[in-house]
């Protein structure tokens, strides 16, 4: 064998090794094993060995490089391995780049920080056409809540829609509509975190002068309405593991006045239901809060006047009707000195809906505070006070 032939064989092995770099890692290991064995002799080597008369020459440096046993062979194998390593790294980098393009970020890098969208708290408020309901919607909106404002006529709450509220039509006496609005609230807000039962009106007049149909309508709005909404909202709140129900009552929910029997009866019922409900749902992380305002400077008093009996007034109660007019001037919602502003009641509702541990009741205004203590007065003393007012009127 000549030195040139051996060198050619070495070059072929180097080329073969380089061609095998692209194979899978298992095949690279087999290739390395094959190169560690000495190459099989070619035909010319066999012919040279068959000539007994020819003595083999001492191996030269070139021949040592070609037979895989000398130091030069180690250098060649090292070069091959270096070439394989470089090419493998290049392929790994290319593969990583391909993954980058497919996923948007490389698994070799730190993933982007978790900057997920945080859902706004969602509140459903009834009776937003004016007064307390409208002021409450604006108060929650200012605190970055998702506000679902409702009224019997959505045209009355277009202003709230322009301000950023979601406005829906809702008559609290319509059972199917109540269910639909609650479900739409959950769809829009992702949950129903707070329910504010504010819709209501006052049916005034002596009990004798209030027809049965009017009394039933009074309870249908002020009592059955909150009951319908509460029943529809509770399953969602219970599934959420938390929630808040705010029932807007009145000072007359604690103390009844002459001529307010129907209205006071509905608010007493609402407060009694709220007290029971608070204990029933406490274990589910749900709070129930009652708001007790005195007279409020809104058009609520106009509705009160509209609901007073006219044709069916009993003459015997004329002094009571006169007393009612005087009380409106003194402390009612017609600019009386003891009347509160809607924003004052809205502030109490907002705190009731957001405070981590709200009290059971929020009295609002001077007469609202009076009701807290008046309920503890002896009945005879309260009756005497009413008799005195009749004489003074």
Protein backbone atom coordinates (compact mmCIF):
# COMPACT_ATOMS: atom_id res chain seq x y z
CA UNK A 1 0.00 0.00 0.00
CA UNK A 2 1.28 3.42 -0.92
CA UNK A 3 1.15 6.50 1.22
CA UNK A 4 -1.06 8.28 -1.35
CA UNK A 5 -3.63 5.44 -1.30
CA UNK A 6 -3.74 5.48 2.48
CA UNK A 7 -4.18 9.24 2.51
CA UNK A 8 -7.06 8.92 0.01
CA UNK A 9 -8.70 6.37 2.29
CA UNK A 10 -8.37 8.76 5.20
CA UNK A 11 -9.97 11.56 3.18
CA UNK A 12 -12.88 9.29 2.23
CA UNK A 13 -13.45 8.43 5.85
CA UNK A 14 -13.43 12.10 6.80
CA UNK A 15 -15.94 12.89 4.04
CA UNK A 16 -18.12 9.98 5.10
CA UNK A 17 -18.07 11.16 8.68
CA UNK A 18 -19.08 14.67 7.68
CA UNK A 19 -21.95 13.32 5.54
CA UNK A 20 -23.32 11.44 8.57
CA UNK A 21 -23.53 14.49 10.80
CA UNK A 22 -27.19 15.17 9.86
CA UNK A 23 -28.28 11.71 11.09
CA UNK A 24 -30.12 11.18 14.35
CA UNK A 25 -28.10 11.07 17.59
CA UNK A 26 -28.35 7.26 17.78
CA UNK A 27 -26.79 6.91 14.34
CA UNK A 28 -24.06 9.38 15.25
CA UNK A 29 -23.06 7.07 18.10
CA UNK A 30 -22.92 4.08 15.77
CA UNK A 31 -20.79 6.12 13.31
CA UNK A 32 -18.35 7.00 16.05
CA UNK A 33 -18.06 3.33 16.96
CA UNK A 34 -17.39 2.37 13.35
CA UNK A 35 -14.59 4.92 13.02
CA UNK A 36 -12.84 3.58 16.11
CA UNK A 37 -12.20 0.26 14.32
CA UNK A 38 -9.34 0.00 11.78
CA UNK A 39 -10.47 -0.05 8.12
CA UNK A 40 -10.58 -3.31 6.25
CA UNK A 41 -7.62 -3.80 3.85
CA UNK A 42 -8.37 -3.29 0.19
CA UNK A 43 -7.43 -5.69 -2.60
CA UNK A 44 -4.02 -4.12 -3.08
CA UNK A 45 -3.22 -4.75 0.58
CA UNK A 46 -4.15 -8.42 0.17
CA UNK A 47 -1.93 -8.67 -2.93
CA UNK A 48 0.94 -7.10 -1.04
CA UNK A 49 0.50 -9.58 1.81
CA UNK A 50 0.48 -12.50 -0.65
CA UNK A 51 3.99 -11.67 -1.87
CA UNK A 52 6.24 -13.51 0.65
CA UNK A 53 9.42 -12.26 -0.88
CA UNK A 54 8.57 -8.59 -0.21
CA UNK A 55 9.24 -7.36 3.30
CA UNK A 56 6.99 -4.58 4.49
CA UNK A 57 8.63 -1.22 4.82
CA UNK A 58 8.48 0.54 8.17
CA UNK A 59 5.38 2.64 8.37
CA UNK A 60 5.87 6.25 7.51
CA UNK A 61 4.13 9.13 9.15
CA UNK A 62 1.58 9.25 6.32
CA UNK A 63 0.84 5.55 6.63
CA UNK A 64 0.31 5.92 10.39
CA UNK A 65 -2.26 8.59 9.65
CA UNK A 66 -4.06 6.26 7.26
CA UNK A 67 -4.20 3.04 9.28
CA UNK A 68 -6.06 4.58 12.21
CA UNK A 69 -3.50 3.57 14.83
CA UNK A 70 -1.11 6.51 15.00
CA UNK A 71 -1.41 9.93 16.64
CA UNK A 72 -2.53 11.58 13.39
CA UNK A 73 -5.66 9.38 13.40
CA UNK A 74 -6.69 10.86 16.76
CA UNK A 75 -6.33 14.35 15.31
CA UNK A 76 -8.58 13.48 12.39
CA UNK A 77 -11.22 11.94 14.67
CA UNK A 78 -11.08 15.00 16.89
CA UNK A 79 -11.60 17.26 13.89
CA UNK A 80 -14.55 15.16 12.78
CA UNK A 81 -16.14 15.29 16.19
CA UNK A 82 -15.65 19.05 16.33
CA UNK A 83 -17.32 19.38 12.93
CA UNK A 84 -20.21 17.20 14.09
CA UNK A 85 -20.63 19.24 17.26
CA UNK A 86 -20.65 22.52 15.34
CA UNK A 87 -23.19 21.26 12.84
CA UNK A 88 -25.42 19.82 15.62
CA UNK A 89 -25.39 23.16 17.40
CA UNK A 90 -26.32 24.93 14.17
CA UNK A 91 -29.21 22.54 13.60
CA UNK A 92 -30.39 22.99 17.19
CA UNK A 93 -30.35 26.75 16.74
CA UNK A 94 -32.31 26.46 13.50
CA UNK A 95 -34.85 24.18 15.22
CA UNK A 96 -35.16 26.66 18.07
CA UNK A 97 -35.75 29.47 15.60
CA UNK A 98 -38.51 27.43 13.93
CA UNK A 99 -40.18 26.93 17.32
CA UNK A 100 -39.91 30.62 18.01
CA UNK A 101 -41.82 31.40 14.87
CA UNK A 102 -44.52 28.87 15.69
CA UNK A 103 -45.17 29.78 19.36
CA UNK A 104 -44.29 33.44 19.55
CA UNK A 105 -41.63 32.99 22.21
CA UNK A 106 -38.83 30.50 22.81
CA UNK A 107 -39.01 27.93 25.56
CA UNK A 108 -35.33 28.62 26.15
CA UNK A 109 -36.18 32.16 27.23
CA UNK A 110 -38.19 33.26 30.23
CA UNK A 111 -41.85 33.38 29.19
CA UNK A 112 -43.49 36.81 29.19
CA UNK A 113 -44.89 37.99 32.51
CA UNK A 114 -48.47 37.01 33.37
CA UNK A 115 -50.34 40.18 32.44
CA UNK A 116 -53.86 38.78 32.26
CA UNK A 117 -57.00 40.87 31.97
CA UNK A 118 -58.52 41.59 35.38
CA UNK A 119 -62.31 41.45 35.35
CA UNK A 120 -64.16 44.45 36.72
CA UNK A 121 -66.55 43.94 39.62
CA UNK A 122 -70.11 43.92 38.33
CA UNK A 123 -73.18 45.47 39.96
CA UNK A 124 -76.83 45.25 38.93
CA UNK A 125 -78.94 48.20 40.09
CA UNK A 126 -82.70 48.50 39.76
CA UNK A 127 -84.73 51.71 39.60
CA UNK A 128 -82.09 53.92 37.95
CA UNK A 129 -84.43 56.32 36.16
CA UNK A 130 -83.87 59.03 38.79
CA UNK A 131 -82.82 59.88 42.32
CA UNK A 132 -81.02 57.26 44.39
CA UNK A 133 -80.71 54.67 41.61
CA UNK A 134 -79.15 57.09 39.12
CA UNK A 135 -76.76 58.49 41.73
CA UNK A 136 -75.75 54.96 42.76
CA UNK A 137 -75.00 53.96 39.18
CA UNK A 138 -72.71 56.96 38.80
CA UNK A 139 -71.02 56.23 42.13
CA UNK A 140 -70.16 52.64 41.17
CA UNK A 141 -69.11 53.77 37.71
CA UNK A 142 -66.66 56.25 39.24
CA UNK A 143 -65.09 53.33 41.11
CA UNK A 144 -64.45 51.45 37.84
CA UNK A 145 -67.25 48.91 38.30
CA UNK A 146 -69.13 47.29 35.45
CA UNK A 147 -72.55 48.84 36.05
CA UNK A 148 -75.77 47.30 34.77
CA UNK A 149 -78.37 50.04 35.24
CA UNK A 150 -82.03 49.15 34.77
CA UNK A 151 -85.37 50.92 34.55
CA UNK A 152 -88.85 50.15 33.24
CA UNK A 153 -88.16 52.49 30.32
CA UNK A 154 -84.59 52.52 28.99
CA UNK A 155 -85.23 55.94 27.44
CA UNK A 156 -85.16 57.31 31.00
CA UNK A 157 -81.58 56.09 31.51
CA UNK A 158 -79.97 57.09 28.22
CA UNK A 159 -77.80 59.50 30.17
CA UNK A 160 -76.32 56.59 32.11
CA UNK A 161 -75.72 54.70 28.88
CA UNK A 162 -73.73 57.64 27.55
CA UNK A 163 -71.78 57.80 30.82
CA UNK A 164 -70.58 54.20 30.41
CA UNK A 165 -73.23 52.04 32.06
CA UNK A 166 -74.89 49.10 30.38
CA UNK A 167 -78.60 49.88 30.40
CA UNK A 168 -81.35 47.26 30.34
CA UNK A 169 -85.11 47.37 30.54
CA UNK A 170 -86.47 45.83 33.71
CA UNK A 171 -89.86 45.73 35.39
CA UNK A 172 -89.21 44.04 38.75
CA UNK A 173 -92.77 42.63 38.73
CA UNK A 174 -92.04 40.65 35.53
CA UNK A 175 -90.59 37.30 36.60
CA UNK A 176 -89.29 36.27 33.18
CA UNK A 177 -87.69 39.66 32.60
CA UNK A 178 -85.96 39.45 35.98
CA UNK A 179 -84.44 36.08 35.08
CA UNK A 180 -83.30 37.38 31.70
CA UNK A 181 -81.65 40.51 33.13
CA UNK A 182 -79.75 38.56 35.77
CA UNK A 183 -78.47 36.10 33.17
CA UNK A 184 -77.46 38.93 30.83
CA UNK A 185 -75.68 40.63 33.75
CA UNK A 186 -73.58 37.51 34.33
CA UNK A 187 -72.84 37.24 30.61
CA UNK A 188 -71.79 40.89 30.36
CA UNK A 189 -69.83 41.18 33.60
CA UNK A 190 -68.60 37.60 33.97
CA UNK A 191 -70.28 37.49 37.39
CA UNK A 192 -72.78 39.36 39.54
CA UNK A 193 -70.78 40.69 42.46
CA UNK A 194 -73.40 43.04 43.87
CA UNK A 195 -77.17 43.39 43.54
CA UNK A 196 -78.78 46.68 44.56
CA UNK A 197 -82.55 46.36 45.02
CA UNK A 198 -83.50 50.02 44.77
CA UNK A 199 -86.68 50.07 42.68
CA UNK A 200 -89.72 51.04 44.71
CA UNK A 201 -92.39 53.62 45.43
CA UNK A 202 -94.57 54.74 48.33
CA UNK A 203 -98.28 54.04 48.48
CA UNK A 204 -99.45 56.55 51.06
CA UNK A 205 -102.82 57.17 52.69
CA UNK A 206 -104.87 55.84 55.59
CA UNK A 207 -105.23 52.06 55.52
CA UNK A 208 -109.00 52.41 55.05
CA UNK A 209 -108.50 54.49 51.92
CA UNK A 210 -105.96 52.17 50.25
CA UNK A 211 -107.68 49.67 47.90
CA UNK A 212 -106.62 46.04 48.06
CA UNK A 213 -105.27 46.18 44.49
CA UNK A 214 -103.03 49.13 45.41
CA UNK A 215 -101.76 47.35 48.50
CA UNK A 216 -100.95 44.27 46.44
CA UNK A 217 -99.13 46.39 43.86
CA UNK A 218 -97.14 48.07 46.64
CA UNK A 219 -95.85 44.70 47.88
CA UNK A 220 -95.35 43.40 44.36
CA UNK A 221 -92.81 46.15 43.67
CA UNK A 222 -91.23 46.73 47.09
CA UNK A 223 -91.16 43.16 48.42
CA UNK A 224 -91.74 40.60 45.69
CA UNK A 225 -89.48 42.49 43.28
CA UNK A 226 -86.37 42.20 45.50
CA UNK A 227 -87.39 38.62 46.26
CA UNK A 228 -87.45 37.74 42.54
CA UNK A 229 -84.05 39.32 41.90
CA UNK A 230 -82.50 37.78 45.00
CA UNK A 231 -83.64 34.29 44.02
CA UNK A 232 -82.25 34.75 40.51
CA UNK A 233 -78.89 36.12 41.69
CA UNK A 234 -78.14 33.82 44.62
CA UNK A 235 -77.22 30.68 42.61
CA UNK A 236 -74.58 32.69 40.75
CA UNK A 237 -73.22 34.27 43.92
CA UNK A 238 -73.12 30.92 45.69
CA UNK A 239 -71.19 29.41 42.77
CA UNK A 240 -68.79 32.36 42.87
CA UNK A 241 -68.24 31.87 46.61
CA UNK A 242 -69.04 35.53 47.33
CA UNK A 243 -71.52 38.30 46.66
CA UNK A 244 -73.34 41.28 48.11
CA UNK A 245 -77.06 42.09 48.22
CA UNK A 246 -78.01 45.67 49.12
CA UNK A 247 -81.70 46.28 49.84
CA UNK A 248 -82.81 49.92 49.88
CA UNK A 249 -85.39 50.24 52.64
CA UNK A 250 -86.45 53.37 54.56
CA UNK A 251 -86.65 54.79 58.04
CA UNK A 252 -90.28 53.62 57.87
CA UNK A 253 -88.90 50.10 57.78
CA UNK A 254 -88.16 50.61 61.46
CA UNK A 255 -90.89 53.05 62.55
CA UNK A 256 -94.38 53.44 61.06
CA UNK A 257 -96.08 56.81 60.77
CA UNK A 258 -99.79 57.54 60.32
CA UNK A 259 -100.74 57.48 56.67
CA UNK A 260 -97.79 55.26 55.68
CA UNK A 261 -99.18 51.85 56.61
CA UNK A 262 -98.92 50.27 53.12
CA UNK A 263 -95.46 51.65 52.42
CA UNK A 264 -94.15 50.99 55.94
CA UNK A 265 -95.55 47.48 55.83
CA UNK A 266 -93.62 46.74 52.61
CA UNK A 267 -90.37 48.12 54.07
CA UNK A 268 -90.81 46.23 57.35
CA UNK A 269 -91.26 43.08 55.29
CA UNK A 270 -88.13 43.83 53.25
CA UNK A 271 -86.07 44.36 56.39
CA UNK A 272 -87.35 41.18 58.01
CA UNK A 273 -86.55 39.20 54.85
CA UNK A 274 -83.08 40.80 54.74
CA UNK A 275 -82.34 39.80 58.34
CA UNK A 276 -83.32 36.19 57.66
CA UNK A 277 -81.45 36.09 54.38
CA UNK A 278 -78.26 37.47 55.91
CA UNK A 279 -78.05 34.54 58.32
CA UNK A 280 -79.00 32.02 55.62
CA UNK A 281 -76.28 32.94 53.12
CA UNK A 282 -73.44 33.99 55.43
CA UNK A 283 -71.80 30.56 55.11
CA UNK A 284 -71.52 31.05 51.34
CA UNK A 285 -69.54 34.29 51.62
CA UNK A 286 -72.58 36.44 50.74
CA UNK A 287 -73.45 39.61 52.69
CA UNK A 288 -76.87 41.27 52.93
CA UNK A 289 -77.07 44.96 53.83
CA UNK A 290 -80.05 47.27 54.39
CA UNK A 291 -80.00 51.00 53.56
CA UNK A 292 -82.38 53.12 55.66
CA UNK A 293 -82.66 56.71 54.37
CA UNK A 294 -85.03 59.30 55.73
CA UNK A 295 -86.73 61.68 53.30
CA UNK A 296 -84.65 62.27 50.17
CA UNK A 297 -84.69 65.27 47.83
CA UNK A 298 -85.91 63.47 44.68
CA UNK A 299 -89.03 63.21 42.57
CA UNK A 300 -89.96 60.26 44.82
CA UNK A 301 -92.20 62.62 46.77
CA UNK A 302 -94.00 63.55 43.55
CA UNK A 303 -94.80 59.87 43.04
CA UNK A 304 -95.97 59.74 46.65
CA UNK A 305 -98.42 62.56 45.97
CA UNK A 306 -99.62 60.76 42.86
CA UNK A 307 -100.32 57.62 44.87
CA UNK A 308 -102.39 59.40 47.51
CA UNK A 309 -106.08 58.50 47.25
CA UNK A 310 -108.12 61.26 45.67
CA UNK A 311 -111.66 60.23 44.83
CA UNK A 312 -111.83 57.68 47.60
CA UNK A 313 -110.71 59.87 50.48
CA UNK A 314 -112.66 59.39 53.67
CA UNK A 315 -113.68 62.77 55.12
CA UNK A 316 -112.94 61.56 58.64
CA UNK A 317 -109.21 61.51 57.79
CA UNK A 318 -109.00 65.06 56.49
CA UNK A 319 -106.77 66.11 59.38
CA UNK A 320 -104.42 63.23 58.59
CA UNK A 321 -104.11 64.36 54.99
CA UNK A 322 -103.34 67.86 56.20
CA UNK A 323 -100.74 66.46 58.61
CA UNK A 324 -99.11 64.61 55.76
CA UNK A 325 -98.77 67.83 53.77
CA UNK A 326 -97.22 69.59 56.77
CA UNK A 327 -94.74 66.77 57.36
CA UNK A 328 -93.67 66.98 53.72
CA UNK A 329 -92.89 70.66 54.18
CA UNK A 330 -90.94 70.01 57.38
CA UNK A 331 -88.94 66.97 56.55
CA UNK A 332 -90.08 65.45 53.30
CA UNK A 333 -88.42 65.31 49.92
CA UNK A 334 -89.73 68.66 48.76
CA UNK A 335 -86.87 70.79 50.00
CA UNK A 336 -87.47 70.22 53.71
CA UNK A 337 -84.58 70.90 56.11
CA UNK A 338 -84.27 67.23 57.07
CA UNK A 339 -84.20 65.84 53.54
CA UNK A 340 -81.02 64.11 52.32
CA UNK A 341 -79.49 64.32 48.86
CA UNK A 342 -79.47 61.30 46.51
CA UNK A 343 -75.65 61.34 46.48
CA UNK A 344 -75.66 60.84 50.28
CA UNK A 345 -77.70 57.65 49.95
CA UNK A 346 -75.60 56.55 46.95
CA UNK A 347 -72.43 56.92 49.04
CA UNK A 348 -73.91 54.60 51.67
CA UNK A 349 -74.92 52.08 48.99
CA UNK A 350 -71.44 52.17 47.46
CA UNK A 351 -69.83 51.55 50.85
CA UNK A 352 -72.30 48.76 51.56
CA UNK A 353 -71.33 47.15 48.26
CA UNK A 354 -67.56 47.51 48.62
CA UNK A 355 -66.72 47.39 52.34
CA UNK A 356 -65.05 44.07 53.24
CA UNK A 357 -67.19 43.73 56.40
CA UNK A 358 -70.22 46.01 56.11
CA UNK A 359 -72.65 46.54 58.98
CA UNK A 360 -76.14 45.08 58.66
CA UNK A 361 -77.73 48.55 58.31
CA UNK A 362 -76.83 52.01 57.05
CA UNK A 363 -79.16 54.76 58.32
CA UNK A 364 -78.86 57.90 56.17
CA UNK A 365 -79.82 61.48 57.09
CA UNK A 366 -81.14 63.05 60.32
CA UNK A 367 -84.50 61.28 60.23
CA UNK A 368 -82.80 58.05 59.26
CA UNK A 369 -80.73 58.27 62.42
CA UNK A 370 -83.88 59.10 64.39
CA UNK A 371 -85.44 55.84 63.26
CA UNK A 372 -82.59 53.89 64.86
CA UNK A 373 -83.58 55.16 68.28
CA UNK A 374 -87.32 55.68 67.78
CA UNK A 375 -87.93 51.96 67.48
CA UNK A 376 -86.78 51.55 71.06
CA UNK A 377 -89.27 54.12 72.37
CA UNK A 378 -92.30 52.76 74.20
CA UNK A 379 -95.32 52.44 71.93
CA UNK A 380 -97.34 54.73 74.18
CA UNK A 381 -94.75 57.49 73.81
CA UNK A 382 -94.73 57.27 70.02
CA UNK A 383 -98.53 57.32 69.91
CA UNK A 384 -98.54 60.42 72.11
CA UNK A 385 -96.14 62.10 69.72
CA UNK A 386 -98.44 61.45 66.78
CA UNK A 387 -101.41 62.85 68.73
CA UNK A 388 -99.43 65.99 69.45
CA UNK A 389 -98.63 66.47 65.76
CA UNK A 390 -102.35 66.19 64.88
CA UNK A 391 -103.19 68.92 67.35
CA UNK A 392 -100.46 71.18 66.00
CA UNK A 393 -101.43 70.73 62.37
